[in-house]
Amino acid sequence: MWTSMDMIRELKNRGKRITKQRKLMVEVIAEKKAGGFKEIYYEICRRDPNIGQATVYRMLLTLEEIGAIQRVQGYVVNELYEKPAV
């Protein structure tokens, strides 16, 4: 399973800044392990009401692109696999 630290590390490797909002979103997503957009969004908003839906949606898309989560009737945190050394 990807942890929040794994997700943050991969985001940094891809040149993404790790803001307080991004860190919070990643932590919530990693804690929940699975859930639909609304469920994830409401939990994030409970912790920081200043984060908008579009921001959460973009983060979910980014995490999906890096392989940390997948969309299967909601989002699911993927198993972590070690990338082969190049």
N, C-alpha and C. Protein backbone atom coordinates (compact mmCIF):
# COMPACT_ATOMS: atom_id res chain seq x y z
N MET A 1 0.83 -1.19 0.00
CA MET A 1 0.00 0.00 0.00
C MET A 1 0.87 1.25 0.00
N TRP A 2 0.49 2.21 -0.77
CA TRP A 2 1.18 3.49 -0.75
C TRP A 2 0.84 4.20 0.55
N THR A 3 1.83 4.73 1.21
CA THR A 3 1.61 5.55 2.39
C THR A 3 1.63 7.02 1.97
N SER A 4 1.25 7.89 2.87
CA SER A 4 1.30 9.31 2.54
C SER A 4 2.73 9.74 2.23
N MET A 5 3.71 9.18 2.94
CA MET A 5 5.11 9.53 2.67
C MET A 5 5.55 9.06 1.29
N ASP A 6 5.10 7.88 0.87
CA ASP A 6 5.42 7.38 -0.47
C ASP A 6 4.85 8.32 -1.53
N MET A 7 3.59 8.75 -1.32
CA MET A 7 2.95 9.63 -2.28
C MET A 7 3.66 10.98 -2.34
N ILE A 8 4.01 11.52 -1.18
CA ILE A 8 4.71 12.81 -1.13
C ILE A 8 6.07 12.70 -1.81
N ARG A 9 6.79 11.61 -1.54
CA ARG A 9 8.10 11.42 -2.16
C ARG A 9 7.98 11.39 -3.69
N GLU A 10 6.98 10.66 -4.20
CA GLU A 10 6.80 10.57 -5.65
C GLU A 10 6.38 11.91 -6.24
N LEU A 11 5.54 12.64 -5.54
CA LEU A 11 5.16 13.98 -6.01
C LEU A 11 6.38 14.89 -6.10
N LYS A 12 7.24 14.83 -5.08
CA LYS A 12 8.47 15.63 -5.10
C LYS A 12 9.37 15.22 -6.27
N ASN A 13 9.48 13.89 -6.49
CA ASN A 13 10.30 13.39 -7.60
C ASN A 13 9.81 13.91 -8.94
N ARG A 14 8.52 14.18 -9.02
CA ARG A 14 7.93 14.68 -10.27
C ARG A 14 7.85 16.20 -10.32
N GLY A 15 8.53 16.85 -9.37
CA GLY A 15 8.64 18.30 -9.40
C GLY A 15 7.47 19.05 -8.80
N LYS A 16 6.61 18.38 -8.06
CA LYS A 16 5.46 19.06 -7.44
C LYS A 16 5.89 19.64 -6.09
N ARG A 17 5.45 20.87 -5.84
CA ARG A 17 5.68 21.47 -4.52
C ARG A 17 4.75 20.79 -3.52
N ILE A 18 5.24 20.60 -2.31
CA ILE A 18 4.42 19.99 -1.28
C ILE A 18 3.95 21.09 -0.33
N THR A 19 2.75 21.58 -0.60
CA THR A 19 2.14 22.62 0.22
C THR A 19 1.42 21.98 1.39
N LYS A 20 0.99 22.80 2.34
CA LYS A 20 0.21 22.28 3.47
C LYS A 20 -1.07 21.62 2.98
N GLN A 21 -1.70 22.24 1.98
CA GLN A 21 -2.94 21.68 1.45
C GLN A 21 -2.68 20.33 0.79
N ARG A 22 -1.65 20.23 -0.02
CA ARG A 22 -1.34 18.96 -0.67
C ARG A 22 -1.02 17.88 0.34
N LYS A 23 -0.23 18.25 1.36
CA LYS A 23 0.11 17.26 2.39
C LYS A 23 -1.15 16.77 3.10
N LEU A 24 -2.04 17.68 3.45
CA LEU A 24 -3.30 17.30 4.10
C LEU A 24 -4.12 16.37 3.22
N MET A 25 -4.25 16.72 1.93
CA MET A 25 -5.03 15.89 1.02
C MET A 25 -4.44 14.49 0.90
N VAL A 26 -3.13 14.40 0.77
CA VAL A 26 -2.46 13.10 0.65
C VAL A 26 -2.67 12.29 1.92
N GLU A 27 -2.56 12.92 3.07
CA GLU A 27 -2.75 12.20 4.33
C GLU A 27 -4.16 11.62 4.43
N VAL A 28 -5.17 12.42 4.08
CA VAL A 28 -6.55 11.94 4.14
C VAL A 28 -6.76 10.78 3.18
N ILE A 29 -6.27 10.93 1.96
CA ILE A 29 -6.43 9.88 0.95
C ILE A 29 -5.75 8.59 1.39
N ALA A 30 -4.54 8.70 1.94
CA ALA A 30 -3.81 7.51 2.40
C ALA A 30 -4.49 6.86 3.60
N GLU A 31 -5.05 7.67 4.50
CA GLU A 31 -5.75 7.12 5.67
C GLU A 31 -7.01 6.36 5.28
N LYS A 32 -7.76 6.90 4.34
CA LYS A 32 -9.05 6.32 3.98
C LYS A 32 -8.90 5.02 3.21
N LYS A 33 -7.83 4.86 2.47
CA LYS A 33 -7.55 3.67 1.65
C LYS A 33 -8.50 3.52 0.47
N ALA A 34 -9.76 3.90 0.62
CA ALA A 34 -10.73 3.81 -0.48
C ALA A 34 -11.88 4.75 -0.18
N GLY A 35 -12.51 5.23 -1.22
CA GLY A 35 -13.69 6.08 -1.04
C GLY A 35 -13.98 6.85 -2.30
N GLY A 36 -15.18 7.35 -2.36
CA GLY A 36 -15.59 8.16 -3.49
C GLY A 36 -15.12 9.60 -3.31
N PHE A 37 -15.25 10.37 -4.38
CA PHE A 37 -14.80 11.76 -4.35
C PHE A 37 -15.45 12.54 -3.21
N LYS A 38 -16.76 12.44 -3.08
CA LYS A 38 -17.46 13.22 -2.05
C LYS A 38 -16.98 12.88 -0.65
N GLU A 39 -16.83 11.59 -0.40
CA GLU A 39 -16.37 11.16 0.92
C GLU A 39 -14.99 11.72 1.24
N ILE A 40 -14.09 11.64 0.26
CA ILE A 40 -12.73 12.16 0.44
C ILE A 40 -12.78 13.69 0.60
N TYR A 41 -13.55 14.34 -0.27
CA TYR A 41 -13.65 15.80 -0.23
C TYR A 41 -14.21 16.29 1.10
N TYR A 42 -15.26 15.66 1.60
CA TYR A 42 -15.87 16.09 2.86
C TYR A 42 -14.90 15.94 4.03
N GLU A 43 -14.12 14.87 4.04
CA GLU A 43 -13.14 14.68 5.11
C GLU A 43 -12.05 15.75 5.03
N ILE A 44 -11.60 16.06 3.82
CA ILE A 44 -10.59 17.11 3.66
C ILE A 44 -11.15 18.45 4.11
N CYS A 45 -12.38 18.75 3.72
CA CYS A 45 -13.02 20.02 4.10
C CYS A 45 -13.26 20.12 5.60
N ARG A 46 -13.50 19.00 6.23
CA ARG A 46 -13.68 19.00 7.68
C ARG A 46 -12.40 19.48 8.36
N ARG A 47 -11.26 19.11 7.79
CA ARG A 47 -9.97 19.50 8.36
C ARG A 47 -9.50 20.88 7.89
N ASP A 48 -9.86 21.25 6.66
CA ASP A 48 -9.50 22.58 6.13
C ASP A 48 -10.58 23.03 5.16
N PRO A 49 -11.50 23.85 5.63
CA PRO A 49 -12.63 24.27 4.79
C PRO A 49 -12.24 25.18 3.61
N ASN A 50 -10.97 25.60 3.55
CA ASN A 50 -10.52 26.48 2.47
C ASN A 50 -10.12 25.73 1.21
N ILE A 51 -10.09 24.42 1.25
CA ILE A 51 -9.70 23.63 0.08
C ILE A 51 -10.95 23.37 -0.76
N GLY A 52 -10.86 23.73 -2.04
CA GLY A 52 -12.01 23.59 -2.93
C GLY A 52 -12.08 22.23 -3.61
N GLN A 53 -13.25 21.98 -4.20
CA GLN A 53 -13.47 20.70 -4.90
C GLN A 53 -12.50 20.51 -6.05
N ALA A 54 -12.25 21.56 -6.81
CA ALA A 54 -11.35 21.44 -7.96
C ALA A 54 -9.94 21.06 -7.52
N THR A 55 -9.50 21.60 -6.40
CA THR A 55 -8.17 21.28 -5.88
C THR A 55 -8.08 19.81 -5.50
N VAL A 56 -9.10 19.30 -4.84
CA VAL A 56 -9.13 17.88 -4.44
C VAL A 56 -9.17 17.01 -5.69
N TYR A 57 -10.00 17.37 -6.65
CA TYR A 57 -10.12 16.58 -7.87
C TYR A 57 -8.78 16.53 -8.62
N ARG A 58 -8.11 17.67 -8.71
CA ARG A 58 -6.80 17.70 -9.39
C ARG A 58 -5.78 16.82 -8.66
N MET A 59 -5.83 16.82 -7.33
CA MET A 59 -4.90 15.98 -6.57
C MET A 59 -5.21 14.50 -6.82
N LEU A 60 -6.47 14.14 -6.86
CA LEU A 60 -6.84 12.76 -7.16
C LEU A 60 -6.35 12.35 -8.55
N LEU A 61 -6.49 13.24 -9.53
CA LEU A 61 -5.99 12.94 -10.88
C LEU A 61 -4.48 12.77 -10.88
N THR A 62 -3.78 13.63 -10.16
CA THR A 62 -2.32 13.54 -10.08
C THR A 62 -1.89 12.24 -9.43
N LEU A 63 -2.54 11.86 -8.33
CA LEU A 63 -2.19 10.60 -7.66
C LEU A 63 -2.53 9.40 -8.53
N GLU A 64 -3.56 9.53 -9.34
CA GLU A 64 -3.90 8.46 -10.27
C GLU A 64 -2.82 8.36 -11.36
N GLU A 65 -2.33 9.49 -11.83
CA GLU A 65 -1.29 9.50 -12.86
C GLU A 65 0.01 8.86 -12.38
N ILE A 66 0.35 9.07 -11.11
CA ILE A 66 1.61 8.51 -10.60
C ILE A 66 1.45 7.05 -10.16
N GLY A 67 0.22 6.54 -10.20
CA GLY A 67 -0.02 5.14 -9.87
C GLY A 67 -0.28 4.87 -8.40
N ALA A 68 -0.47 5.92 -7.61
CA ALA A 68 -0.70 5.73 -6.18
C ALA A 68 -2.12 5.27 -5.89
N ILE A 69 -3.07 5.72 -6.70
CA ILE A 69 -4.46 5.35 -6.51
C ILE A 69 -5.04 4.93 -7.85
N GLN A 70 -6.18 4.30 -7.79
CA GLN A 70 -6.91 3.98 -9.01
C GLN A 70 -8.39 4.20 -8.79
N ARG A 71 -9.07 4.50 -9.86
CA ARG A 71 -10.51 4.75 -9.78
C ARG A 71 -11.25 3.47 -10.13
N VAL A 72 -11.96 2.93 -9.14
CA VAL A 72 -12.76 1.72 -9.30
C VAL A 72 -14.00 1.93 -8.44
N GLN A 73 -15.02 2.52 -9.00
CA GLN A 73 -16.18 2.91 -8.21
C GLN A 73 -15.72 3.62 -6.95
N GLY A 74 -15.00 4.69 -7.14
CA GLY A 74 -14.34 5.43 -6.07
C GLY A 74 -12.85 5.30 -6.29
N TYR A 75 -12.06 5.78 -5.36
CA TYR A 75 -10.61 5.71 -5.48
C TYR A 75 -10.08 4.74 -4.46
N VAL A 76 -9.05 3.98 -4.84
CA VAL A 76 -8.45 2.97 -3.98
C VAL A 76 -6.95 3.18 -3.98
N VAL A 77 -6.32 3.16 -2.80
CA VAL A 77 -4.88 3.28 -2.71
C VAL A 77 -4.27 1.98 -3.22
N ASN A 78 -3.32 2.09 -4.14
CA ASN A 78 -2.69 0.93 -4.76
C ASN A 78 -1.61 0.33 -3.86
N GLU A 79 -1.26 -0.91 -4.18
CA GLU A 79 -0.11 -1.55 -3.56
C GLU A 79 1.14 -0.85 -4.07
N LEU A 80 2.12 -0.66 -3.22
CA LEU A 80 3.38 -0.04 -3.59
C LEU A 80 4.30 -1.11 -4.14
N TYR A 81 4.90 -0.82 -5.23
CA TYR A 81 5.89 -1.75 -5.76
C TYR A 81 7.18 -0.96 -5.93
N GLU A 82 8.27 -1.63 -5.76
CA GLU A 82 9.57 -0.99 -5.90
C GLU A 82 9.92 -0.92 -7.38
N LYS A 83 10.33 0.26 -7.80
CA LYS A 83 10.73 0.41 -9.19
C LYS A 83 12.14 -0.16 -9.33
N PRO A 84 12.41 -0.84 -10.44
CA PRO A 84 13.75 -1.38 -10.64
C PRO A 84 14.77 -0.26 -10.78
N ALA A 85 15.95 -0.46 -10.24
CA ALA A 85 17.02 0.53 -10.37
C ALA A 85 17.47 0.62 -11.81
N VAL A 86 17.75 1.83 -12.23
CA VAL A 86 18.16 2.04 -13.63
C VAL A 86 19.64 2.19 -13.70
